[in-house]
C-alpha atoms as a PDB file:
ATOM      1  CA  UNK A   1     -37.950  25.569 -17.082  1.00  0.00           C
ATOM      2  CA  UNK A   2     -37.238  26.877 -13.260  1.00  0.00           C
ATOM      3  CA  UNK A   3     -38.524  23.734 -11.971  1.00  0.00           C
ATOM      4  CA  UNK A   4     -35.689  21.866 -14.132  1.00  0.00           C
ATOM      5  CA  UNK A   5     -33.043  24.302 -13.317  1.00  0.00           C
ATOM      6  CA  UNK A   6     -33.909  23.851  -9.403  1.00  0.00           C
ATOM      7  CA  UNK A   7     -33.632  20.199  -9.646  1.00  0.00           C
ATOM      8  CA  UNK A   8     -30.291  20.329 -11.597  1.00  0.00           C
ATOM      9  CA  UNK A   9     -28.773  22.732  -8.922  1.00  0.00           C
ATOM     10  CA  UNK A  10     -29.916  20.557  -6.171  1.00  0.00           C
ATOM     11  CA  UNK A  11     -28.352  17.643  -7.631  1.00  0.00           C
ATOM     12  CA  UNK A  12     -25.059  19.335  -8.344  1.00  0.00           C
ATOM     13  CA  UNK A  13     -24.970  20.551  -4.977  1.00  0.00           C
ATOM     14  CA  UNK A  14     -25.548  17.017  -3.495  1.00  0.00           C
ATOM     15  CA  UNK A  15     -22.910  15.620  -5.896  1.00  0.00           C
ATOM     16  CA  UNK A  16     -20.369  18.031  -4.590  1.00  0.00           C
ATOM     17  CA  UNK A  17     -21.302  17.225  -1.052  1.00  0.00           C
ATOM     18  CA  UNK A  18     -20.855  13.758  -1.825  1.00  0.00           C
ATOM     19  CA  UNK A  19     -17.451  14.461  -3.138  1.00  0.00           C
ATOM     20  CA  UNK A  20     -16.428  16.540  -0.264  1.00  0.00           C
ATOM     21  CA  UNK A  21     -17.575  14.186   1.929  1.00  0.00           C
ATOM     22  CA  UNK A  22     -15.454  11.339   1.087  1.00  0.00           C
ATOM     23  CA  UNK A  23     -12.244  13.443   2.026  1.00  0.00           C
ATOM     24  CA  UNK A  24     -10.792  13.175  -1.516  1.00  0.00           C
ATOM     25  CA  UNK A  25     -10.059   9.508  -0.853  1.00  0.00           C
ATOM     26  CA  UNK A  26      -9.573   7.348  -4.440  1.00  0.00           C
ATOM     27  CA  UNK A  27     -10.413   3.449  -3.267  1.00  0.00           C
ATOM     28  CA  UNK A  28      -8.109   1.501  -5.751  1.00  0.00           C
ATOM     29  CA  UNK A  29      -9.296  -1.883  -4.341  1.00  0.00           C
ATOM     30  CA  UNK A  30     -12.258  -2.864  -2.716  1.00  0.00           C
ATOM     31  CA  UNK A  31     -12.936  -6.413  -1.896  1.00  0.00           C
ATOM     32  CA  UNK A  32     -12.348  -8.347  -5.134  1.00  0.00           C
ATOM     33  CA  UNK A  33     -12.394  -5.084  -7.579  1.00  0.00           C
ATOM     34  CA  UNK A  34      -9.476  -3.042  -8.354  1.00  0.00           C
ATOM     35  CA  UNK A  35      -7.271  -5.307 -10.287  1.00  0.00           C
ATOM     36  CA  UNK A  36      -7.549  -3.110 -13.571  1.00  0.00           C
ATOM     37  CA  UNK A  37      -6.460   0.133 -11.467  1.00  0.00           C
ATOM     38  CA  UNK A  38      -2.926  -1.573 -11.481  1.00  0.00           C
ATOM     39  CA  UNK A  39      -0.365  -2.513 -13.782  1.00  0.00           C
ATOM     40  CA  UNK A  40       1.294  -6.201 -13.263  1.00  0.00           C
ATOM     41  CA  UNK A  41       5.166  -6.234 -13.032  1.00  0.00           C
ATOM     42  CA  UNK A  42       6.650  -9.671 -11.956  1.00  0.00           C
ATOM     43  CA  UNK A  43       5.507 -13.116 -11.799  1.00  0.00           C
ATOM     44  CA  UNK A  44       2.780 -13.012  -9.260  1.00  0.00           C
ATOM     45  CA  UNK A  45      -0.547 -14.854  -9.546  1.00  0.00           C
ATOM     46  CA  UNK A  46      -2.496 -11.876  -8.600  1.00  0.00           C
ATOM     47  CA  UNK A  47      -6.306 -12.883  -8.445  1.00  0.00           C
ATOM     48  CA  UNK A  48      -9.475 -12.035  -6.915  1.00  0.00           C
ATOM     49  CA  UNK A  49     -10.716 -14.381  -4.279  1.00  0.00           C
ATOM     50  CA  UNK A  50     -12.333 -14.808  -1.196  1.00  0.00           C
ATOM     51  CA  UNK A  51     -13.364 -10.767  -0.923  1.00  0.00           C
ATOM     52  CA  UNK A  52      -9.633  -9.581  -1.576  1.00  0.00           C
ATOM     53  CA  UNK A  53      -6.939  -9.222  -4.077  1.00  0.00           C
ATOM     54  CA  UNK A  54      -4.580 -12.312  -3.298  1.00  0.00           C
ATOM     55  CA  UNK A  55      -1.171 -13.351  -4.436  1.00  0.00           C
ATOM     56  CA  UNK A  56       0.768 -16.472  -3.264  1.00  0.00           C
ATOM     57  CA  UNK A  57       3.160 -17.674  -5.887  1.00  0.00           C
ATOM     58  CA  UNK A  58       5.844 -15.674  -7.576  1.00  0.00           C
ATOM     59  CA  UNK A  59       9.733 -14.749  -6.951  1.00  0.00           C
ATOM     60  CA  UNK A  60       8.846 -10.931  -7.155  1.00  0.00           C
ATOM     61  CA  UNK A  61       5.537  -9.227  -8.136  1.00  0.00           C
ATOM     62  CA  UNK A  62       4.052  -5.891  -7.889  1.00  0.00           C
ATOM     63  CA  UNK A  63       0.696  -4.299  -8.607  1.00  0.00           C
ATOM     64  CA  UNK A  64       1.647  -0.709  -9.630  1.00  0.00           C
ATOM     65  CA  UNK A  65      -0.357   2.088  -9.512  1.00  0.00           C
ATOM     66  CA  UNK A  66      -1.345   3.782 -12.863  1.00  0.00           C
ATOM     67  CA  UNK A  67      -0.626   7.231 -11.253  1.00  0.00           C
ATOM     68  CA  UNK A  68       2.345   9.007  -9.756  1.00  0.00           C
ATOM     69  CA  UNK A  69       1.835  10.716  -6.517  1.00  0.00           C
ATOM     70  CA  UNK A  70       4.192  13.103  -4.698  1.00  0.00           C
ATOM     71  CA  UNK A  71       2.560  14.081  -1.464  1.00  0.00           C
ATOM     72  CA  UNK A  72      -0.288  11.783  -0.140  1.00  0.00           C
ATOM     73  CA  UNK A  73      -1.815   9.252   2.390  1.00  0.00           C
ATOM     74  CA  UNK A  74      -2.278   5.698   1.950  1.00  0.00           C
ATOM     75  CA  UNK A  75      -4.601   3.421   3.629  1.00  0.00           C
ATOM     76  CA  UNK A  76      -4.370  -0.269   2.916  1.00  0.00           C
ATOM     77  CA  UNK A  77      -6.086  -3.278   4.793  1.00  0.00           C
ATOM     78  CA  UNK A  78      -4.155  -6.661   4.372  1.00  0.00           C
ATOM     79  CA  UNK A  79      -3.766 -10.215   5.419  1.00  0.00           C
ATOM     80  CA  UNK A  80      -0.292 -11.514   6.027  1.00  0.00           C
ATOM     81  CA  UNK A  81       0.976 -14.459   7.938  1.00  0.00           C
ATOM     82  CA  UNK A  82       4.527 -14.066   9.899  1.00  0.00           C
ATOM     83  CA  UNK A  83       6.521 -15.734   6.575  1.00  0.00           C
ATOM     84  CA  UNK A  84       4.818 -13.465   4.184  1.00  0.00           C
ATOM     85  CA  UNK A  85       6.958 -11.283   2.380  1.00  0.00           C
ATOM     86  CA  UNK A  86       5.231  -8.012   0.980  1.00  0.00           C
ATOM     87  CA  UNK A  87       4.993  -4.487   1.201  1.00  0.00           C
ATOM     88  CA  UNK A  88       3.841  -1.288  -0.047  1.00  0.00           C
ATOM     89  CA  UNK A  89       6.605   0.474  -2.030  1.00  0.00           C
ATOM     90  CA  UNK A  90       5.976   4.044  -2.458  1.00  0.00           C
ATOM     91  CA  UNK A  91       7.641   7.074  -4.744  1.00  0.00           C
ATOM     92  CA  UNK A  92       8.901   4.564  -7.239  1.00  0.00           C
ATOM     93  CA  UNK A  93      11.391   6.203  -9.814  1.00  0.00           C
ATOM     94  CA  UNK A  94      11.097   3.009 -12.347  1.00  0.00           C
ATOM     95  CA  UNK A  95       7.961   1.285 -12.564  1.00  0.00           C
ATOM     96  CA  UNK A  96       9.564  -1.825 -14.283  1.00  0.00           C
ATOM     97  CA  UNK A  97      12.256  -2.408 -11.919  1.00  0.00           C
ATOM     98  CA  UNK A  98      11.238  -1.906  -8.451  1.00  0.00           C
ATOM     99  CA  UNK A  99      13.372  -2.298  -5.596  1.00  0.00           C
ATOM    100  CA  UNK A 100      14.375  -0.486  -2.051  1.00  0.00           C
ATOM    101  CA  UNK A 101      16.748   1.626  -3.981  1.00  0.00           C
ATOM    102  CA  UNK A 102      14.592   3.331  -6.307  1.00  0.00           C
ATOM    103  CA  UNK A 103      11.415   3.250  -3.869  1.00  0.00           C
ATOM    104  CA  UNK A 104      10.778   3.549  -0.416  1.00  0.00           C
ATOM    105  CA  UNK A 105       9.579   0.201   0.889  1.00  0.00           C
ATOM    106  CA  UNK A 106       7.350  -0.251   3.538  1.00  0.00           C
ATOM    107  CA  UNK A 107       7.688  -3.403   4.510  1.00  0.00           C
ATOM    108  CA  UNK A 108       5.458  -6.191   5.723  1.00  0.00           C
ATOM    109  CA  UNK A 109       7.719  -9.263   6.803  1.00  0.00           C
ATOM    110  CA  UNK A 110       7.755 -10.292  10.217  1.00  0.00           C
ATOM    111  CA  UNK A 111      10.414 -13.060   9.719  1.00  0.00           C
ATOM    112  CA  UNK A 112      12.766 -10.936   7.636  1.00  0.00           C
ATOM    113  CA  UNK A 113      16.442 -12.152   8.263  1.00  0.00           C
ATOM    114  CA  UNK A 114      17.358  -8.592   9.055  1.00  0.00           C
ATOM    115  CA  UNK A 115      14.504  -7.831  11.436  1.00  0.00           C
ATOM    116  CA  UNK A 116      15.118  -4.196  12.310  1.00  0.00           C
ATOM    117  CA  UNK A 117      13.937  -3.781   8.748  1.00  0.00           C
ATOM    118  CA  UNK A 118      10.800  -6.035   9.053  1.00  0.00           C
ATOM    119  CA  UNK A 119       7.166  -5.283   9.095  1.00  0.00           C
ATOM    120  CA  UNK A 120       6.581  -1.325  10.111  1.00  0.00           C
ATOM    121  CA  UNK A 121       9.814  -0.393   8.788  1.00  0.00           C
ATOM    122  CA  UNK A 122      11.043   1.385   5.762  1.00  0.00           C
ATOM    123  CA  UNK A 123      13.859  -0.716   4.342  1.00  0.00           C
ATOM    124  CA  UNK A 124      17.250   0.924   4.305  1.00  0.00           C
ATOM    125  CA  UNK A 125      15.681   4.162   5.737  1.00  0.00           C
ATOM    126  CA  UNK A 126      13.945   3.664   8.972  1.00  0.00           C
ATOM    127  CA  UNK A 127      14.503   0.871  11.293  1.00  0.00           C
ATOM    128  CA  UNK A 128      12.081  -0.500  13.944  1.00  0.00           C
ATOM    129  CA  UNK A 129      12.912  -1.970  17.515  1.00  0.00           C
ATOM    130  CA  UNK A 130      13.906  -5.411  17.801  1.00  0.00           C
ATOM    131  CA  UNK A 131      12.141  -7.824  18.458  1.00  0.00           C
ATOM    132  CA  UNK A 132       9.253  -6.534  16.436  1.00  0.00           C
ATOM    133  CA  UNK A 133       6.649  -4.896  18.616  1.00  0.00           C
ATOM    134  CA  UNK A 134       4.050  -4.765  16.082  1.00  0.00           C
ATOM    135  CA  UNK A 135       3.391  -7.664  13.533  1.00  0.00           C
ATOM    136  CA  UNK A 136       1.389  -8.794  10.669  1.00  0.00           C
ATOM    137  CA  UNK A 137       0.935 -11.888  12.466  1.00  0.00           C
ATOM    138  CA  UNK A 138      -1.664 -13.796  10.583  1.00  0.00           C
ATOM    139  CA  UNK A 139      -4.438 -11.426  10.630  1.00  0.00           C
ATOM    140  CA  UNK A 140      -6.261  -8.433   9.066  1.00  0.00           C
ATOM    141  CA  UNK A 141      -4.229  -5.113   9.656  1.00  0.00           C
ATOM    142  CA  UNK A 142      -4.160  -1.680   8.491  1.00  0.00           C
ATOM    143  CA  UNK A 143      -1.623   0.460   7.142  1.00  0.00           C
ATOM    144  CA  UNK A 144      -1.571   4.081   7.130  1.00  0.00           C
ATOM    145  CA  UNK A 145       1.393   5.809   5.154  1.00  0.00           C
ATOM    146  CA  UNK A 146       1.571   9.430   5.041  1.00  0.00           C
ATOM    147  CA  UNK A 147       4.329  11.151   2.584  1.00  0.00           C
ATOM    148  CA  UNK A 148       4.570  14.778   2.717  1.00  0.00           C
ATOM    149  CA  UNK A 149       7.810  16.559   1.466  1.00  0.00           C
ATOM    150  CA  UNK A 150      10.480  14.713   3.227  1.00  0.00           C
ATOM    151  CA  UNK A 151       8.664  13.496   5.890  1.00  0.00           C
ATOM    152  CA  UNK A 152       7.333   9.835   6.062  1.00  0.00           C
ATOM    153  CA  UNK A 153       4.894   8.269   8.721  1.00  0.00           C
ATOM    154  CA  UNK A 154       3.802   4.724   8.836  1.00  0.00           C
ATOM    155  CA  UNK A 155       1.288   3.364  11.350  1.00  0.00           C
ATOM    156  CA  UNK A 156       0.489  -0.093  11.424  1.00  0.00           C
ATOM    157  CA  UNK A 157      -3.041  -0.839  13.318  1.00  0.00           C
ATOM    158  CA  UNK A 158      -2.971   2.687  14.675  1.00  0.00           C
ATOM    159  CA  UNK A 159       0.458   2.591  16.318  1.00  0.00           C
ATOM    160  CA  UNK A 160       3.310   4.702  14.560  1.00  0.00           C
ATOM    161  CA  UNK A 161       6.271   2.778  13.570  1.00  0.00           C
ATOM    162  CA  UNK A 162       8.339   5.346  11.418  1.00  0.00           C
ATOM    163  CA  UNK A 163       8.526   8.842  11.558  1.00  0.00           C
ATOM    164  CA  UNK A 164      11.266   9.904   9.551  1.00  0.00           C
ATOM    165  CA  UNK A 165      12.582  12.475   6.906  1.00  0.00           C
ATOM    166  CA  UNK A 166      14.249  11.401   3.757  1.00  0.00           C
ATOM    167  CA  UNK A 167      14.944  13.388   0.733  1.00  0.00           C
ATOM    168  CA  UNK A 168      15.830  10.964  -2.188  1.00  0.00           C
ATOM    169  CA  UNK A 169      12.899  10.153  -3.685  1.00  0.00           C
ATOM    170  CA  UNK A 170       9.768  13.001  -4.259  1.00  0.00           C
ATOM    171  CA  UNK A 171       7.010  11.286  -6.456  1.00  0.00           C
ATOM    172  CA  UNK A 172       6.329   8.237  -8.370  1.00  0.00           C
ATOM    173  CA  UNK A 173       3.789   5.276  -8.657  1.00  0.00           C
ATOM    174  CA  UNK A 174       3.168   3.033  -5.315  1.00  0.00           C
ATOM    175  CA  UNK A 175       2.930  -0.746  -5.576  1.00  0.00           C
ATOM    176  CA  UNK A 176       1.854  -3.473  -3.868  1.00  0.00           C
ATOM    177  CA  UNK A 177       4.096  -6.432  -3.475  1.00  0.00           C
ATOM    178  CA  UNK A 178       4.253 -10.120  -3.152  1.00  0.00           C
ATOM    179  CA  UNK A 179       7.651 -11.899  -2.761  1.00  0.00           C
ATOM    180  CA  UNK A 180       9.298 -15.379  -2.072  1.00  0.00           C
ATOM    181  CA  UNK A 181      11.080 -14.857   1.655  1.00  0.00           C
ATOM    182  CA  UNK A 182      10.834 -18.342   3.441  1.00  0.00           C
ATOM    183  CA  UNK A 183      13.735 -20.246   4.566  1.00  0.00           C
ATOM    184  CA  UNK A 184      16.358 -20.044   1.871  1.00  0.00           C
ATOM    185  CA  UNK A 185      13.852 -18.064  -0.455  1.00  0.00           C
ATOM    186  CA  UNK A 186      11.021 -20.923  -0.144  1.00  0.00           C
ATOM    187  CA  UNK A 187       7.474 -19.301  -1.212  1.00  0.00           C
ATOM    188  CA  UNK A 188       5.911 -17.890   1.614  1.00  0.00           C
ATOM    189  CA  UNK A 189       2.372 -17.602   2.718  1.00  0.00           C
ATOM    190  CA  UNK A 190       0.027 -15.237   0.837  1.00  0.00           C
ATOM    191  CA  UNK A 191      -0.452 -11.721   0.906  1.00  0.00           C
ATOM    192  CA  UNK A 192      -4.426 -10.336   0.791  1.00  0.00           C
ATOM    193  CA  UNK A 193      -5.694  -6.799  -0.067  1.00  0.00           C
ATOM    194  CA  UNK A 194      -9.049  -6.158   1.164  1.00  0.00           C
ATOM    195  CA  UNK A 195      -9.074  -2.605   0.585  1.00  0.00           C
ATOM    196  CA  UNK A 196      -6.360   0.029  -0.460  1.00  0.00           C
ATOM    197  CA  UNK A 197      -7.099   3.713  -0.747  1.00  0.00           C
ATOM    198  CA  UNK A 198      -5.023   6.855  -1.554  1.00  0.00           C
ATOM    199  CA  UNK A 199      -5.604  10.725  -1.020  1.00  0.00           C
ATOM    200  CA  UNK A 200      -3.315  13.088  -2.581  1.00  0.00           C
ATOM    201  CA  UNK A 201      -2.630  16.027   0.027  1.00  0.00           C
END
């Protein structure tokens, strides 16, 4: 009996240490796994392919987190070409009609017609220098997004692109986007998400 109690205590301790060791991060996409952690909105052809979650067709498509978040950090590994139109929308007020007015849109789009709100910017809230100094550029990248109270920071590959305060939106789900965006709305290149993690703070 004592031996069983000791084993159970050790097991619970190790489990608690493992939970603390992950720093509170929840992994929603890990390679090809994780589509079931999101609701689909729009016409995107989201699928698991080549070690990632991918979309390359659709006019406006989102993977919407099932949970809402207020203060949080997101880490996301993504691949995008210069003509890929994508982004991470945070603190969305409406999970069925998603846009840059009812969410904060952390953009991924090197060739956006209005480049100050291209890759690294928060559309209509926080611009980046033009010409773009930090680009997706057809390679694997890492976004780190922190939202705490009114303050939001964005890092692309370790470089801070945005550090701003804005009080319009306090909480809501986040989304991963794919959209058209080439010349005159032509289909752009794929977006690929290899790992997406979130940690409430």
